[in-house]
N, C-alpha and C. Protein backbone atom coordinates (compact mmCIF):
# COMPACT_ATOMS: atom_id res chain seq x y z
N MET A 1 -14.26 -1.16 -79.43
CA MET A 1 -15.42 -1.82 -78.89
C MET A 1 -15.13 -3.26 -78.47
N VAL A 2 -14.40 -3.99 -79.35
CA VAL A 2 -14.04 -5.38 -79.05
C VAL A 2 -13.09 -5.41 -77.86
N ARG A 3 -12.15 -4.47 -77.80
CA ARG A 3 -11.24 -4.40 -76.68
C ARG A 3 -12.01 -4.10 -75.38
N ALA A 4 -12.95 -3.24 -75.39
CA ALA A 4 -13.77 -2.92 -74.21
C ALA A 4 -14.50 -4.15 -73.74
N ARG A 5 -15.05 -4.92 -74.67
CA ARG A 5 -15.75 -6.14 -74.30
C ARG A 5 -14.78 -7.16 -73.67
N LEU A 6 -13.59 -7.26 -74.24
CA LEU A 6 -12.60 -8.18 -73.71
C LEU A 6 -12.19 -7.76 -72.27
N VAL A 7 -11.96 -6.47 -72.04
CA VAL A 7 -11.61 -5.97 -70.73
C VAL A 7 -12.76 -6.24 -69.75
N LEU A 8 -13.98 -5.96 -70.17
CA LEU A 8 -15.15 -6.19 -69.30
C LEU A 8 -15.30 -7.67 -69.00
N SER A 9 -15.08 -8.52 -69.99
CA SER A 9 -15.16 -9.96 -69.78
C SER A 9 -14.11 -10.45 -68.80
N GLN A 10 -12.90 -9.94 -68.94
CA GLN A 10 -11.81 -10.35 -68.03
C GLN A 10 -12.09 -9.82 -66.61
N THR A 11 -12.61 -8.63 -66.51
CA THR A 11 -12.95 -8.05 -65.20
C THR A 11 -14.03 -8.86 -64.53
N MET A 12 -15.08 -9.21 -65.27
CA MET A 12 -16.18 -10.00 -64.72
C MET A 12 -15.68 -11.39 -64.32
N SER A 13 -14.79 -11.96 -65.13
CA SER A 13 -14.22 -13.25 -64.81
C SER A 13 -13.43 -13.17 -63.54
N GLY A 14 -12.66 -12.11 -63.35
CA GLY A 14 -11.88 -11.91 -62.14
C GLY A 14 -12.75 -11.77 -60.92
N ILE A 15 -13.83 -10.98 -61.08
CA ILE A 15 -14.76 -10.75 -59.97
C ILE A 15 -15.44 -12.07 -59.59
N LEU A 16 -15.89 -12.81 -60.60
CA LEU A 16 -16.50 -14.10 -60.32
C LEU A 16 -15.56 -15.08 -59.63
N HIS A 17 -14.30 -15.02 -60.06
CA HIS A 17 -13.29 -15.88 -59.43
C HIS A 17 -13.10 -15.50 -57.96
N LEU A 18 -13.06 -14.19 -57.65
CA LEU A 18 -12.91 -13.72 -56.28
C LEU A 18 -14.13 -14.13 -55.43
N ILE A 19 -15.31 -13.98 -56.01
CA ILE A 19 -16.54 -14.37 -55.29
C ILE A 19 -16.53 -15.89 -54.99
N ARG A 20 -16.12 -16.67 -55.97
CA ARG A 20 -16.05 -18.12 -55.80
C ARG A 20 -15.05 -18.48 -54.72
N ARG A 21 -13.89 -17.84 -54.74
CA ARG A 21 -12.85 -18.14 -53.72
C ARG A 21 -13.34 -17.71 -52.33
N ALA A 22 -14.00 -16.55 -52.25
CA ALA A 22 -14.51 -16.09 -50.96
C ALA A 22 -15.57 -17.05 -50.42
N TYR A 23 -16.41 -17.53 -51.32
CA TYR A 23 -17.41 -18.48 -50.89
C TYR A 23 -16.81 -19.77 -50.45
N GLU A 24 -15.79 -20.26 -51.14
CA GLU A 24 -15.10 -21.48 -50.76
C GLU A 24 -14.44 -21.33 -49.37
N LEU A 25 -13.87 -20.14 -49.12
CA LEU A 25 -13.28 -19.87 -47.82
C LEU A 25 -14.33 -19.86 -46.75
N LEU A 26 -15.48 -19.23 -47.01
CA LEU A 26 -16.60 -19.23 -46.07
C LEU A 26 -17.06 -20.64 -45.76
N VAL A 27 -17.20 -21.49 -46.76
CA VAL A 27 -17.65 -22.88 -46.55
C VAL A 27 -16.61 -23.64 -45.73
N THR A 28 -15.30 -23.43 -46.03
CA THR A 28 -14.25 -24.09 -45.28
C THR A 28 -14.31 -23.72 -43.77
N VAL A 29 -14.40 -22.42 -43.53
CA VAL A 29 -14.47 -21.97 -42.13
C VAL A 29 -15.72 -22.51 -41.44
N ALA A 30 -16.86 -22.43 -42.13
CA ALA A 30 -18.13 -22.93 -41.56
C ALA A 30 -18.03 -24.44 -41.26
N ASN A 31 -17.39 -25.20 -42.14
CA ASN A 31 -17.24 -26.62 -41.90
C ASN A 31 -16.39 -26.88 -40.66
N LEU A 32 -15.39 -26.07 -40.44
CA LEU A 32 -14.58 -26.20 -39.22
C LEU A 32 -15.38 -25.94 -37.93
N LEU A 33 -16.47 -25.20 -38.06
CA LEU A 33 -17.30 -24.88 -36.90
C LEU A 33 -18.35 -25.95 -36.58
N GLN A 34 -18.56 -26.93 -37.48
CA GLN A 34 -19.59 -27.94 -37.25
C GLN A 34 -19.39 -28.70 -35.99
N SER A 35 -18.30 -29.29 -35.78
CA SER A 35 -18.06 -30.12 -34.59
C SER A 35 -18.10 -29.32 -33.30
N PRO A 36 -17.43 -28.17 -33.24
CA PRO A 36 -17.60 -27.37 -32.01
C PRO A 36 -19.03 -26.96 -31.73
N LEU A 37 -19.77 -26.63 -32.76
CA LEU A 37 -21.19 -26.25 -32.56
C LEU A 37 -21.97 -27.45 -32.05
N LEU A 38 -21.78 -28.61 -32.67
CA LEU A 38 -22.50 -29.81 -32.19
C LEU A 38 -22.12 -30.14 -30.75
N LEU A 39 -20.86 -29.94 -30.39
CA LEU A 39 -20.44 -30.17 -29.02
C LEU A 39 -21.13 -29.20 -28.08
N ALA A 40 -21.15 -27.92 -28.45
CA ALA A 40 -21.80 -26.90 -27.61
C ALA A 40 -23.30 -27.21 -27.43
N LEU A 41 -23.96 -27.60 -28.51
CA LEU A 41 -25.39 -27.99 -28.40
C LEU A 41 -25.56 -29.17 -27.46
N ARG A 42 -24.71 -30.17 -27.64
CA ARG A 42 -24.83 -31.37 -26.81
C ARG A 42 -24.60 -31.04 -25.34
N ILE A 43 -23.57 -30.25 -25.05
CA ILE A 43 -23.30 -29.93 -23.65
C ILE A 43 -24.44 -29.09 -23.04
N TYR A 44 -24.85 -28.06 -23.74
CA TYR A 44 -25.82 -27.14 -23.18
C TYR A 44 -27.16 -27.80 -22.94
N PHE A 45 -27.73 -28.38 -23.99
CA PHE A 45 -29.08 -28.92 -23.89
C PHE A 45 -29.16 -30.25 -23.20
N PHE A 46 -28.19 -31.13 -23.43
CA PHE A 46 -28.31 -32.44 -22.80
C PHE A 46 -27.85 -32.40 -21.32
N TRP A 47 -27.12 -31.35 -20.91
CA TRP A 47 -26.88 -31.18 -19.49
C TRP A 47 -28.22 -30.83 -18.80
N GLN A 48 -28.99 -29.96 -19.41
CA GLN A 48 -30.29 -29.63 -18.87
C GLN A 48 -31.21 -30.84 -18.82
N LEU A 49 -31.13 -31.68 -19.86
CA LEU A 49 -31.92 -32.91 -19.89
C LEU A 49 -31.48 -33.84 -18.80
N PHE A 50 -30.14 -33.97 -18.58
CA PHE A 50 -29.61 -34.79 -17.48
C PHE A 50 -30.19 -34.28 -16.16
N GLU A 51 -30.13 -32.98 -15.94
CA GLU A 51 -30.63 -32.42 -14.68
C GLU A 51 -32.12 -32.72 -14.52
N ALA A 52 -32.92 -32.58 -15.56
CA ALA A 52 -34.34 -32.88 -15.48
C ALA A 52 -34.55 -34.36 -15.14
N GLY A 53 -33.82 -35.23 -15.80
CA GLY A 53 -33.95 -36.67 -15.51
C GLY A 53 -33.53 -37.02 -14.10
N LYS A 54 -32.46 -36.41 -13.62
CA LYS A 54 -31.98 -36.62 -12.28
C LYS A 54 -33.06 -36.19 -11.26
N GLY A 55 -33.66 -35.01 -11.53
CA GLY A 55 -34.75 -34.53 -10.66
C GLY A 55 -35.94 -35.45 -10.68
N LYS A 56 -36.27 -36.00 -11.84
CA LYS A 56 -37.39 -36.94 -11.91
C LYS A 56 -37.08 -38.22 -11.14
N LEU A 57 -35.87 -38.73 -11.26
CA LEU A 57 -35.51 -39.95 -10.54
C LEU A 57 -35.55 -39.70 -9.03
N SER A 58 -35.17 -38.53 -8.58
CA SER A 58 -35.17 -38.27 -7.14
C SER A 58 -36.59 -38.03 -6.61
N ASN A 59 -37.55 -37.77 -7.46
CA ASN A 59 -38.92 -37.58 -7.07
C ASN A 59 -39.82 -38.50 -7.90
N ILE A 60 -39.42 -39.74 -8.02
CA ILE A 60 -40.10 -40.67 -8.97
C ILE A 60 -41.56 -40.88 -8.64
N GLY A 61 -41.90 -40.79 -7.33
CA GLY A 61 -43.35 -40.96 -6.97
C GLY A 61 -44.23 -39.91 -7.61
N LYS A 62 -43.77 -38.65 -7.66
CA LYS A 62 -44.53 -37.59 -8.27
C LYS A 62 -44.61 -37.80 -9.79
N ILE A 63 -43.57 -38.33 -10.38
CA ILE A 63 -43.55 -38.56 -11.82
C ILE A 63 -44.55 -39.70 -12.15
N ILE A 64 -44.54 -40.76 -11.32
CA ILE A 64 -45.47 -41.85 -11.55
C ILE A 64 -46.92 -41.34 -11.43
N ASP A 65 -47.20 -40.51 -10.44
CA ASP A 65 -48.52 -39.92 -10.29
C ASP A 65 -48.87 -39.06 -11.48
N PHE A 66 -47.91 -38.26 -11.97
CA PHE A 66 -48.17 -37.40 -13.13
C PHE A 66 -48.46 -38.26 -14.37
N PHE A 67 -47.67 -39.29 -14.57
CA PHE A 67 -47.90 -40.17 -15.72
C PHE A 67 -49.24 -40.86 -15.62
N SER A 68 -49.62 -41.24 -14.40
CA SER A 68 -50.96 -41.85 -14.20
C SER A 68 -52.06 -40.86 -14.57
N SER A 69 -51.89 -39.60 -14.16
CA SER A 69 -52.92 -38.57 -14.45
C SER A 69 -53.03 -38.34 -15.96
N LEU A 70 -51.99 -38.58 -16.72
CA LEU A 70 -52.02 -38.37 -18.14
C LEU A 70 -52.58 -39.60 -18.88
N GLY A 71 -52.80 -40.68 -18.14
CA GLY A 71 -53.30 -41.92 -18.76
C GLY A 71 -52.23 -42.72 -19.45
N ILE A 72 -50.97 -42.52 -19.13
CA ILE A 72 -49.87 -43.26 -19.74
C ILE A 72 -49.92 -44.68 -19.19
N PRO A 73 -49.92 -45.69 -20.06
CA PRO A 73 -49.93 -47.09 -19.58
C PRO A 73 -48.64 -47.42 -18.82
N ALA A 74 -48.75 -48.34 -17.86
CA ALA A 74 -47.62 -48.72 -17.02
C ALA A 74 -46.87 -47.52 -16.53
N PRO A 75 -47.51 -46.64 -15.76
CA PRO A 75 -46.91 -45.36 -15.40
C PRO A 75 -45.60 -45.50 -14.63
N ALA A 76 -45.48 -46.49 -13.77
CA ALA A 76 -44.25 -46.68 -12.98
C ALA A 76 -43.10 -47.07 -13.91
N ALA A 77 -43.31 -48.05 -14.77
CA ALA A 77 -42.28 -48.49 -15.68
C ALA A 77 -41.88 -47.36 -16.64
N ASN A 78 -42.85 -46.65 -17.17
CA ASN A 78 -42.58 -45.56 -18.08
C ASN A 78 -41.90 -44.38 -17.37
N ALA A 79 -42.27 -44.11 -16.14
CA ALA A 79 -41.63 -43.03 -15.40
C ALA A 79 -40.15 -43.36 -15.16
N TYR A 80 -39.88 -44.59 -14.77
CA TYR A 80 -38.47 -44.97 -14.56
C TYR A 80 -37.71 -44.93 -15.90
N PHE A 81 -38.33 -45.45 -16.96
CA PHE A 81 -37.65 -45.47 -18.24
C PHE A 81 -37.32 -44.05 -18.73
N VAL A 82 -38.33 -43.18 -18.74
CA VAL A 82 -38.14 -41.83 -19.28
C VAL A 82 -37.16 -41.06 -18.41
N SER A 83 -37.26 -41.21 -17.11
CA SER A 83 -36.36 -40.48 -16.19
C SER A 83 -34.93 -40.97 -16.37
N SER A 84 -34.75 -42.26 -16.49
CA SER A 84 -33.44 -42.83 -16.73
C SER A 84 -32.89 -42.44 -18.08
N LEU A 85 -33.74 -42.44 -19.10
CA LEU A 85 -33.31 -42.03 -20.44
C LEU A 85 -32.81 -40.58 -20.41
N GLU A 86 -33.56 -39.73 -19.76
CA GLU A 86 -33.17 -38.32 -19.72
C GLU A 86 -31.90 -38.13 -18.94
N CYS A 87 -31.79 -38.82 -17.80
CA CYS A 87 -30.61 -38.67 -16.93
C CYS A 87 -29.37 -39.30 -17.57
N PHE A 88 -29.41 -40.59 -17.82
CA PHE A 88 -28.21 -41.30 -18.33
C PHE A 88 -28.00 -41.04 -19.82
N GLY A 89 -29.09 -40.99 -20.58
CA GLY A 89 -28.99 -40.66 -21.98
C GLY A 89 -28.43 -39.27 -22.20
N GLY A 90 -28.83 -38.32 -21.36
CA GLY A 90 -28.31 -36.98 -21.44
C GLY A 90 -26.80 -36.95 -21.22
N LEU A 91 -26.35 -37.70 -20.22
CA LEU A 91 -24.88 -37.77 -19.97
C LEU A 91 -24.14 -38.38 -21.14
N LEU A 92 -24.70 -39.51 -21.66
CA LEU A 92 -24.03 -40.15 -22.78
C LEU A 92 -24.00 -39.25 -24.05
N LEU A 93 -25.06 -38.49 -24.24
CA LEU A 93 -25.08 -37.58 -25.38
C LEU A 93 -24.08 -36.42 -25.22
N ILE A 94 -23.87 -36.00 -23.97
CA ILE A 94 -22.87 -34.94 -23.74
C ILE A 94 -21.49 -35.40 -24.19
N ILE A 95 -21.14 -36.63 -23.85
CA ILE A 95 -19.82 -37.14 -24.25
C ILE A 95 -19.85 -37.68 -25.69
N GLY A 96 -21.02 -37.86 -26.24
CA GLY A 96 -21.12 -38.31 -27.63
C GLY A 96 -20.94 -39.80 -27.81
N LEU A 97 -21.55 -40.57 -26.91
CA LEU A 97 -21.49 -42.05 -26.98
C LEU A 97 -22.86 -42.61 -27.31
N ALA A 98 -22.94 -43.44 -28.32
CA ALA A 98 -24.21 -44.02 -28.83
C ALA A 98 -25.19 -42.87 -29.15
N SER A 99 -24.68 -41.86 -29.78
CA SER A 99 -25.41 -40.61 -29.98
C SER A 99 -26.68 -40.75 -30.80
N ARG A 100 -26.58 -41.38 -31.95
CA ARG A 100 -27.74 -41.44 -32.83
C ARG A 100 -28.87 -42.31 -32.25
N PRO A 101 -28.61 -43.50 -31.72
CA PRO A 101 -29.69 -44.23 -31.11
C PRO A 101 -30.31 -43.49 -29.90
N LEU A 102 -29.50 -42.90 -29.09
CA LEU A 102 -30.05 -42.13 -27.95
C LEU A 102 -30.81 -40.92 -28.43
N ALA A 103 -30.31 -40.22 -29.43
CA ALA A 103 -31.02 -39.06 -29.98
C ALA A 103 -32.39 -39.47 -30.52
N LEU A 104 -32.45 -40.63 -31.17
CA LEU A 104 -33.74 -41.12 -31.65
C LEU A 104 -34.68 -41.39 -30.49
N MET A 105 -34.20 -42.08 -29.46
CA MET A 105 -35.05 -42.37 -28.31
C MET A 105 -35.54 -41.11 -27.61
N ILE A 106 -34.65 -40.12 -27.50
CA ILE A 106 -35.04 -38.85 -26.85
C ILE A 106 -36.04 -38.08 -27.72
N ALA A 107 -35.83 -38.10 -29.03
CA ALA A 107 -36.78 -37.44 -29.95
C ALA A 107 -38.15 -38.07 -29.81
N ILE A 108 -38.23 -39.40 -29.75
CA ILE A 108 -39.51 -40.11 -29.60
C ILE A 108 -40.09 -39.74 -28.24
N SER A 109 -39.28 -39.75 -27.20
CA SER A 109 -39.73 -39.39 -25.85
C SER A 109 -40.32 -37.99 -25.82
N MET A 110 -39.65 -37.05 -26.46
CA MET A 110 -40.12 -35.67 -26.47
C MET A 110 -41.42 -35.53 -27.29
N PHE A 111 -41.52 -36.29 -28.38
CA PHE A 111 -42.77 -36.28 -29.14
C PHE A 111 -43.91 -36.83 -28.27
N VAL A 112 -43.65 -37.89 -27.52
CA VAL A 112 -44.65 -38.43 -26.62
C VAL A 112 -44.99 -37.39 -25.52
N ALA A 113 -43.99 -36.67 -25.04
CA ALA A 113 -44.23 -35.63 -24.06
C ALA A 113 -45.15 -34.54 -24.65
N TYR A 114 -44.90 -34.15 -25.88
CA TYR A 114 -45.81 -33.21 -26.53
C TYR A 114 -47.20 -33.80 -26.62
N TRP A 115 -47.30 -35.06 -27.08
CA TRP A 115 -48.61 -35.68 -27.32
C TRP A 115 -49.43 -35.83 -26.03
N THR A 116 -48.72 -36.19 -24.94
CA THR A 116 -49.47 -36.46 -23.71
C THR A 116 -49.63 -35.23 -22.82
N ALA A 117 -48.63 -34.39 -22.70
CA ALA A 117 -48.67 -33.29 -21.75
C ALA A 117 -48.81 -31.92 -22.39
N ASP A 118 -48.47 -31.76 -23.65
CA ASP A 118 -48.51 -30.48 -24.34
C ASP A 118 -49.19 -30.61 -25.72
N ARG A 119 -50.30 -31.35 -25.76
CA ARG A 119 -50.96 -31.61 -27.02
C ARG A 119 -51.40 -30.33 -27.71
N GLU A 120 -51.88 -29.40 -26.91
CA GLU A 120 -52.33 -28.13 -27.52
C GLU A 120 -51.20 -27.42 -28.22
N ALA A 121 -50.01 -27.45 -27.63
CA ALA A 121 -48.83 -26.85 -28.28
C ALA A 121 -48.47 -27.63 -29.53
N LEU A 122 -48.54 -28.94 -29.48
CA LEU A 122 -48.24 -29.77 -30.66
C LEU A 122 -49.20 -29.50 -31.79
N MET A 123 -50.48 -29.44 -31.48
CA MET A 123 -51.47 -29.21 -32.48
C MET A 123 -51.38 -27.78 -33.06
N GLY A 124 -50.78 -26.89 -32.31
CA GLY A 124 -50.63 -25.51 -32.78
C GLY A 124 -49.33 -25.24 -33.50
N ILE A 125 -48.66 -26.29 -33.93
CA ILE A 125 -47.36 -26.13 -34.56
C ILE A 125 -47.39 -25.17 -35.73
N ILE A 126 -48.52 -25.14 -36.45
CA ILE A 126 -48.66 -24.25 -37.61
C ILE A 126 -49.44 -23.00 -37.21
N SER A 127 -50.56 -23.19 -36.51
CA SER A 127 -51.40 -22.03 -36.20
C SER A 127 -50.88 -21.18 -35.05
N ASP A 128 -50.13 -21.75 -34.14
CA ASP A 128 -49.56 -20.99 -32.98
C ASP A 128 -48.12 -21.48 -32.73
N PRO A 129 -47.19 -21.18 -33.64
CA PRO A 129 -45.84 -21.72 -33.51
C PRO A 129 -45.13 -21.25 -32.23
N ASP A 130 -45.50 -20.07 -31.73
CA ASP A 130 -44.90 -19.61 -30.49
C ASP A 130 -45.17 -20.57 -29.32
N LYS A 131 -46.37 -21.05 -29.29
CA LYS A 131 -46.76 -21.98 -28.20
C LYS A 131 -45.95 -23.28 -28.36
N PHE A 132 -45.75 -23.72 -29.62
CA PHE A 132 -45.04 -24.96 -29.87
C PHE A 132 -43.57 -24.86 -29.42
N VAL A 133 -42.91 -23.75 -29.78
CA VAL A 133 -41.49 -23.61 -29.46
C VAL A 133 -41.25 -23.25 -27.99
N LYS A 134 -42.26 -22.78 -27.30
CA LYS A 134 -42.11 -22.43 -25.88
C LYS A 134 -42.43 -23.61 -24.97
N ALA A 135 -42.94 -24.70 -25.52
CA ALA A 135 -43.24 -25.90 -24.74
C ALA A 135 -41.95 -26.54 -24.22
N ASP A 136 -42.01 -27.13 -23.05
CA ASP A 136 -40.83 -27.74 -22.44
C ASP A 136 -40.08 -28.74 -23.32
N PRO A 137 -40.74 -29.61 -24.08
CA PRO A 137 -39.99 -30.58 -24.87
C PRO A 137 -39.22 -30.01 -26.06
N PHE A 138 -39.54 -28.80 -26.50
CA PHE A 138 -39.00 -28.28 -27.77
C PHE A 138 -37.47 -28.28 -27.86
N PRO A 139 -36.74 -27.68 -26.91
CA PRO A 139 -35.28 -27.62 -27.12
C PRO A 139 -34.61 -28.98 -27.15
N TYR A 140 -35.16 -29.92 -26.37
CA TYR A 140 -34.63 -31.29 -26.38
C TYR A 140 -34.93 -32.04 -27.65
N LEU A 141 -36.19 -31.83 -28.13
CA LEU A 141 -36.59 -32.43 -29.41
C LEU A 141 -35.74 -31.93 -30.52
N LEU A 142 -35.58 -30.60 -30.60
CA LEU A 142 -34.81 -30.00 -31.70
C LEU A 142 -33.33 -30.46 -31.65
N THR A 143 -32.74 -30.42 -30.48
CA THR A 143 -31.34 -30.84 -30.35
C THR A 143 -31.18 -32.31 -30.66
N ALA A 144 -32.10 -33.15 -30.19
CA ALA A 144 -32.03 -34.57 -30.49
C ALA A 144 -32.13 -34.80 -32.00
N LEU A 145 -33.01 -34.07 -32.67
CA LEU A 145 -33.14 -34.24 -34.13
C LEU A 145 -31.89 -33.78 -34.86
N ILE A 146 -31.25 -32.73 -34.35
CA ILE A 146 -30.00 -32.27 -34.98
C ILE A 146 -28.91 -33.35 -34.83
N VAL A 147 -28.78 -33.92 -33.62
CA VAL A 147 -27.77 -34.95 -33.43
C VAL A 147 -28.13 -36.21 -34.22
N LEU A 148 -29.41 -36.55 -34.28
CA LEU A 148 -29.82 -37.68 -35.06
C LEU A 148 -29.45 -37.51 -36.56
N ALA A 149 -29.71 -36.34 -37.08
CA ALA A 149 -29.46 -36.09 -38.51
C ALA A 149 -28.00 -35.88 -38.83
N PHE A 150 -27.26 -35.18 -37.99
CA PHE A 150 -25.88 -34.82 -38.35
C PHE A 150 -24.83 -35.61 -37.54
N GLY A 151 -25.29 -36.36 -36.55
CA GLY A 151 -24.33 -37.10 -35.71
C GLY A 151 -23.75 -36.16 -34.65
N PRO A 152 -22.93 -36.67 -33.77
CA PRO A 152 -22.40 -35.85 -32.67
C PRO A 152 -21.20 -34.96 -33.06
N GLY A 153 -20.66 -35.17 -34.23
CA GLY A 153 -19.50 -34.40 -34.63
C GLY A 153 -18.19 -35.11 -34.28
N LEU A 154 -17.09 -34.53 -34.68
CA LEU A 154 -15.78 -35.15 -34.46
C LEU A 154 -15.32 -35.07 -33.01
N LEU A 155 -15.91 -34.20 -32.25
CA LEU A 155 -15.53 -34.03 -30.81
C LEU A 155 -16.45 -34.88 -29.95
N SER A 156 -16.38 -36.21 -30.16
CA SER A 156 -17.27 -37.14 -29.48
C SER A 156 -16.56 -38.50 -29.33
N ILE A 157 -17.06 -39.29 -28.39
CA ILE A 157 -16.54 -40.65 -28.20
C ILE A 157 -16.88 -41.48 -29.43
N ASP A 158 -18.06 -41.26 -30.01
CA ASP A 158 -18.44 -42.02 -31.22
C ASP A 158 -17.39 -41.84 -32.32
N ALA A 159 -16.97 -40.60 -32.54
CA ALA A 159 -15.94 -40.33 -33.57
C ALA A 159 -14.63 -41.00 -33.24
N LEU A 160 -14.25 -40.94 -31.95
CA LEU A 160 -13.01 -41.60 -31.52
C LEU A 160 -13.06 -43.10 -31.76
N LEU A 161 -14.20 -43.71 -31.43
CA LEU A 161 -14.38 -45.17 -31.66
C LEU A 161 -14.33 -45.49 -33.13
N LYS A 162 -14.96 -44.70 -33.95
CA LYS A 162 -14.94 -44.97 -35.41
C LYS A 162 -13.50 -44.86 -35.93
N ARG A 163 -12.76 -43.87 -35.47
CA ARG A 163 -11.37 -43.75 -35.91
C ARG A 163 -10.56 -44.93 -35.41
N ALA A 164 -10.77 -45.32 -34.18
CA ALA A 164 -10.03 -46.44 -33.60
C ALA A 164 -10.32 -47.78 -34.34
N MET A 165 -11.55 -47.91 -34.83
CA MET A 165 -11.94 -49.09 -35.55
C MET A 165 -11.61 -48.99 -37.03
N GLY A 166 -11.08 -47.87 -37.46
CA GLY A 166 -10.68 -47.71 -38.85
C GLY A 166 -11.86 -47.47 -39.78
N GLN A 167 -12.99 -47.03 -39.28
CA GLN A 167 -14.16 -46.82 -40.11
C GLN A 167 -14.16 -45.48 -40.78
N ILE A 168 -13.34 -44.57 -40.32
CA ILE A 168 -13.23 -43.26 -41.00
C ILE A 168 -11.88 -43.19 -41.67
N ALA A 169 -11.90 -43.02 -42.96
CA ALA A 169 -10.66 -42.84 -43.73
C ALA A 169 -10.52 -41.36 -43.98
N PHE A 170 -9.47 -40.74 -43.44
CA PHE A 170 -9.24 -39.34 -43.66
C PHE A 170 -8.43 -39.20 -44.94
N PRO A 171 -8.94 -38.43 -45.91
CA PRO A 171 -8.25 -38.29 -47.19
C PRO A 171 -6.86 -37.67 -47.00
N ARG A 172 -5.91 -38.27 -47.66
CA ARG A 172 -4.53 -37.77 -47.71
C ARG A 172 -4.14 -37.78 -49.16
N SER A 173 -3.18 -36.95 -49.48
CA SER A 173 -2.80 -36.91 -50.90
C SER A 173 -2.34 -38.28 -51.37
N GLY A 174 -2.91 -38.72 -52.49
CA GLY A 174 -2.53 -40.02 -53.06
C GLY A 174 -3.21 -41.19 -52.43
N ARG A 175 -4.05 -40.97 -51.39
CA ARG A 175 -4.73 -42.07 -50.73
C ARG A 175 -6.23 -41.98 -50.95
N SER A 176 -6.89 -43.04 -50.86
CA SER A 176 -8.33 -43.06 -51.12
C SER A 176 -9.06 -42.65 -49.86
N SER A 177 -10.30 -42.22 -50.06
CA SER A 177 -11.17 -41.87 -48.93
C SER A 177 -12.42 -42.70 -49.02
N ILE A 178 -13.22 -42.67 -47.97
CA ILE A 178 -14.45 -43.44 -47.98
C ILE A 178 -15.43 -42.88 -49.00
N PHE A 179 -15.18 -41.68 -49.50
CA PHE A 179 -16.06 -41.06 -50.48
C PHE A 179 -15.67 -41.29 -51.90
N SER A 180 -14.52 -41.89 -52.13
CA SER A 180 -14.10 -42.14 -53.52
C SER A 180 -14.63 -43.52 -53.99
N SER A 181 -14.81 -43.60 -55.25
CA SER A 181 -15.35 -44.87 -55.76
C SER A 181 -14.25 -45.93 -55.79
N PRO A 182 -14.63 -47.20 -55.52
CA PRO A 182 -13.65 -48.26 -55.51
C PRO A 182 -12.90 -48.45 -56.79
N GLN A 183 -13.54 -48.17 -57.92
CA GLN A 183 -12.87 -48.35 -59.20
C GLN A 183 -11.68 -47.42 -59.37
N LYS A 184 -11.82 -46.22 -58.86
CA LYS A 184 -10.72 -45.24 -58.98
C LYS A 184 -9.55 -45.61 -58.09
N ASN A 185 -9.84 -46.35 -57.00
CA ASN A 185 -8.79 -46.65 -56.02
C ASN A 185 -7.98 -47.89 -56.38
N ARG A 186 -8.37 -48.64 -57.40
CA ARG A 186 -7.74 -49.90 -57.75
C ARG A 186 -6.59 -49.70 -58.69
N LYS A 187 -6.22 -48.54 -59.05
CA LYS A 187 -5.14 -48.29 -60.04
C LYS A 187 -3.82 -48.87 -59.55
């Protein structure tokens, strides 16, 4: 009976070890996919935003009229600002330059777009989520929030600049990283 318990305990321990190792492998592979996924999101959605902004700039008169009809203050200034933000901010986000400040500005712009042009969809975020996610600002708002929260990833100009300025310390054996405590590194 004792031997059976010992064998069962060792078997369970072995199974748990295999599960833990499999999970660690899954996390490692998933972590390797973060930057390519962020790059794909940036390229796909912010290219569309660039195109929308470029279209608005080429028809700025219609955009000014539309903003006026929505009651947006200083419609000409706001039309130029939003159109330029979408056009040039979209391009900068594709390459990953000034990503978090631009993502914040685009998220705010998309919230304002919901508030002024798609208020019914915004107010239905809980009661009618399909209407909310089908509204024009949704994919840009979601992608901007993802970039704001997670950054542009390692495949970006921002990451290259950080590395060039020495702000990212990549852990190497025997060397400290930005995540280690200073006390441990002073040995």
